[in-house]
Amino acid sequence: MKNSEGIGAKTNNSSRLASMVARETQNVAACCRNVRL
C-alpha cells in the first residue's frame, strides 16, 4: 500500500514538474522568437 502511494506521489510530482518545464520552454522559445524578429 505505502509503496504504491509513494509511486503515485512521485508520478504526480514529476508530471507537475514536466508541465512546469514545458511552460518554461515555451517562455524561452517565445523570447528567442522575439529576439530573432
PDB file of N, CA and C in Angstrom:
ATOM      1  N   MET A   1       0.839  -1.196   0.000  1.00  0.00           N
ATOM      2  CA  MET A   1       0.000   0.000   0.000  1.00  0.00           C
ATOM      3  C   MET A   1       0.879   1.254   0.000  1.00  0.00           C
ATOM      4  N   LYS A   2       1.794   1.323   0.967  1.00  0.00           N
ATOM      5  CA  LYS A   2       2.638   2.527   1.072  1.00  0.00           C
ATOM      6  C   LYS A   2       3.481   2.716  -0.178  1.00  0.00           C
ATOM      7  N   ASN A   3       4.009   1.611  -0.719  1.00  0.00           N
ATOM      8  CA  ASN A   3       4.844   1.721  -1.912  1.00  0.00           C
ATOM      9  C   ASN A   3       4.066   2.317  -3.074  1.00  0.00           C
ATOM     10  N   SER A   4       2.853   1.795  -3.311  1.00  0.00           N
ATOM     11  CA  SER A   4       2.061   2.308  -4.437  1.00  0.00           C
ATOM     12  C   SER A   4       1.724   3.782  -4.205  1.00  0.00           C
ATOM     13  N   GLU A   5       1.449   4.145  -2.964  1.00  0.00           N
ATOM     14  CA  GLU A   5       1.143   5.551  -2.668  1.00  0.00           C
ATOM     15  C   GLU A   5       2.344   6.426  -2.999  1.00  0.00           C
ATOM     16  N   GLY A   6       3.533   5.963  -2.613  1.00  0.00           N
ATOM     17  CA  GLY A   6       4.745   6.729  -2.886  1.00  0.00           C
ATOM     18  C   GLY A   6       4.960   6.891  -4.384  1.00  0.00           C
ATOM     19  N   ILE A   7       4.737   5.806  -5.130  1.00  0.00           N
ATOM     20  CA  ILE A   7       4.903   5.871  -6.583  1.00  0.00           C
ATOM     21  C   ILE A   7       3.907   6.864  -7.164  1.00  0.00           C
ATOM     22  N   GLY A   8       2.675   6.831  -6.679  1.00  0.00           N
ATOM     23  CA  GLY A   8       1.661   7.755  -7.176  1.00  0.00           C
ATOM     24  C   GLY A   8       2.071   9.195  -6.909  1.00  0.00           C
ATOM     25  N   ALA A   9       2.587   9.456  -5.708  1.00  0.00           N
ATOM     26  CA  ALA A   9       3.016  10.815  -5.369  1.00  0.00           C
ATOM     27  C   ALA A   9       4.174  11.229  -6.275  1.00  0.00           C
ATOM     28  N   LYS A  10       5.098  10.285  -6.507  1.00  0.00           N
ATOM     29  CA  LYS A  10       6.252  10.608  -7.364  1.00  0.00           C
ATOM     30  C   LYS A  10       5.782  10.938  -8.778  1.00  0.00           C
ATOM     31  N   THR A  11       4.851  10.128  -9.310  1.00  0.00           N
ATOM     32  CA  THR A  11       4.355  10.357 -10.673  1.00  0.00           C
ATOM     33  C   THR A  11       3.679  11.720 -10.745  1.00  0.00           C
ATOM     34  N   ASN A  12       2.856  12.031  -9.734  1.00  0.00           N
ATOM     35  CA  ASN A  12       2.164  13.314  -9.714  1.00  0.00           C
ATOM     36  C   ASN A  12       3.179  14.444  -9.677  1.00  0.00           C
ATOM     37  N   ASN A  13       4.206  14.276  -8.856  1.00  0.00           N
ATOM     38  CA  ASN A  13       5.243  15.305  -8.721  1.00  0.00           C
ATOM     39  C   ASN A  13       5.976  15.505 -10.045  1.00  0.00           C
ATOM     40  N   SER A  14       6.390  14.420 -10.672  1.00  0.00           N
ATOM     41  CA  SER A  14       7.152  14.524 -11.922  1.00  0.00           C
ATOM     42  C   SER A  14       6.292  15.117 -13.025  1.00  0.00           C
ATOM     43  N   SER A  15       4.994  14.782 -13.047  1.00  0.00           N
ATOM     44  CA  SER A  15       4.126  15.331 -14.095  1.00  0.00           C
ATOM     45  C   SER A  15       3.972  16.829 -13.887  1.00  0.00           C
ATOM     46  N   ARG A  16       3.859  17.245 -12.626  1.00  0.00           N
ATOM     47  CA  ARG A  16       3.749  18.681 -12.338  1.00  0.00           C
ATOM     48  C   ARG A  16       5.037  19.375 -12.759  1.00  0.00           C
ATOM     49  N   LEU A  17       6.177  18.727 -12.469  1.00  0.00           N
ATOM     50  CA  LEU A  17       7.477  19.296 -12.832  1.00  0.00           C
ATOM     51  C   LEU A  17       7.604  19.365 -14.350  1.00  0.00           C
ATOM     52  N   ALA A  18       7.119  18.323 -15.037  1.00  0.00           N
ATOM     53  CA  ALA A  18       7.199  18.295 -16.502  1.00  0.00           C
ATOM     54  C   ALA A  18       6.384  19.438 -17.093  1.00  0.00           C
ATOM     55  N   SER A  19       5.206  19.699 -16.527  1.00  0.00           N
ATOM     56  CA  SER A  19       4.375  20.792 -17.057  1.00  0.00           C
ATOM     57  C   SER A  19       5.057  22.130 -16.801  1.00  0.00           C
ATOM     58  N   MET A  20       5.725  22.253 -15.643  1.00  0.00           N
ATOM     59  CA  MET A  20       6.453  23.500 -15.347  1.00  0.00           C
ATOM     60  C   MET A  20       7.587  23.674 -16.364  1.00  0.00           C
ATOM     61  N   VAL A  21       8.330  22.612 -16.619  1.00  0.00           N
ATOM     62  CA  VAL A  21       9.443  22.679 -17.573  1.00  0.00           C
ATOM     63  C   VAL A  21       8.911  23.041 -18.956  1.00  0.00           C
ATOM     64  N   ALA A  22       7.766  22.465 -19.333  1.00  0.00           N
ATOM     65  CA  ALA A  22       7.181  22.756 -20.654  1.00  0.00           C
ATOM     66  C   ALA A  22       6.836  24.233 -20.749  1.00  0.00           C
ATOM     67  N   ARG A  23       6.262  24.777 -19.661  1.00  0.00           N
ATOM     68  CA  ARG A  23       5.896  26.194 -19.667  1.00  0.00           C
ATOM     69  C   ARG A  23       7.150  27.051 -19.812  1.00  0.00           C
ATOM     70  N   GLU A  24       8.196  26.703 -19.055  1.00  0.00           N
ATOM     71  CA  GLU A  24       9.465  27.457 -19.133  1.00  0.00           C
ATOM     72  C   GLU A  24      10.035  27.377 -20.546  1.00  0.00           C
ATOM     73  N   THR A  25       9.968  26.182 -21.149  1.00  0.00           N
ATOM     74  CA  THR A  25      10.494  26.012 -22.505  1.00  0.00           C
ATOM     75  C   THR A  25       9.732  26.905 -23.476  1.00  0.00           C
ATOM     76  N   GLN A  26       8.408  26.964 -23.323  1.00  0.00           N
ATOM     77  CA  GLN A  26       7.600  27.819 -24.201  1.00  0.00           C
ATOM     78  C   GLN A  26       8.002  29.272 -24.013  1.00  0.00           C
ATOM     79  N   ASN A  27       8.214  29.682 -22.759  1.00  0.00           N
ATOM     80  CA  ASN A  27       8.621  31.069 -22.494  1.00  0.00           C
ATOM     81  C   ASN A  27       9.948  31.371 -23.183  1.00  0.00           C
ATOM     82  N   VAL A  28      10.907  30.465 -23.044  1.00  0.00           N
ATOM     83  CA  VAL A  28      12.222  30.668 -23.656  1.00  0.00           C
ATOM     84  C   VAL A  28      12.087  30.717 -25.168  1.00  0.00           C
ATOM     85  N   ALA A  29      11.267  29.840 -25.733  1.00  0.00           N
ATOM     86  CA  ALA A  29      11.077  29.819 -27.191  1.00  0.00           C
ATOM     87  C   ALA A  29      10.477  31.143 -27.646  1.00  0.00           C
ATOM     88  N   ALA A  30       9.513  31.674 -26.891  1.00  0.00           N
ATOM     89  CA  ALA A  30       8.902  32.957 -27.247  1.00  0.00           C
ATOM     90  C   ALA A  30       9.953  34.059 -27.198  1.00  0.00           C
ATOM     91  N   CYS A  31      10.799  34.036 -26.189  1.00  0.00           N
ATOM     92  CA  CYS A  31      11.862  35.051 -26.070  1.00  0.00           C
ATOM     93  C   CYS A  31      12.800  34.966 -27.278  1.00  0.00           C
ATOM     94  N   CYS A  32      13.207  33.764 -27.633  1.00  0.00           N
ATOM     95  CA  CYS A  32      14.114  33.585 -28.773  1.00  0.00           C
ATOM     96  C   CYS A  32      13.463  34.116 -30.036  1.00  0.00           C
ATOM     97  N   ARG A  33      12.161  33.828 -30.201  1.00  0.00           N
ATOM     98  CA  ARG A  33      11.447  34.284 -31.393  1.00  0.00           C
ATOM     99  C   ARG A  33      11.426  35.810 -31.431  1.00  0.00           C
ATOM    100  N   ASN A  34      11.154  36.416 -30.281  1.00  0.00           N
ATOM    101  CA  ASN A  34      11.113  37.880 -30.226  1.00  0.00           C
ATOM    102  C   ASN A  34      12.481  38.468 -30.560  1.00  0.00           C
ATOM    103  N   VAL A  35      13.527  37.856 -30.030  1.00  0.00           N
ATOM    104  CA  VAL A  35      14.890  38.367 -30.271  1.00  0.00           C
ATOM    105  C   VAL A  35      15.227  38.233 -31.752  1.00  0.00           C
ATOM    106  N   ARG A  36      14.838  37.103 -32.371  1.00  0.00           N
ATOM    107  CA  ARG A  36      15.154  36.881 -33.777  1.00  0.00           C
ATOM    108  C   ARG A  36      14.437  37.937 -34.624  1.00  0.00           C
ATOM    109  N   LEU A  37      13.191  38.237 -34.260  1.00  0.00           N
ATOM    110  CA  LEU A  37      12.446  39.263 -35.010  1.00  0.00           C
ATOM    111  C   LEU A  37      12.986  40.629 -34.622  1.00  0.00           C
TER     112      LEU A  37
END
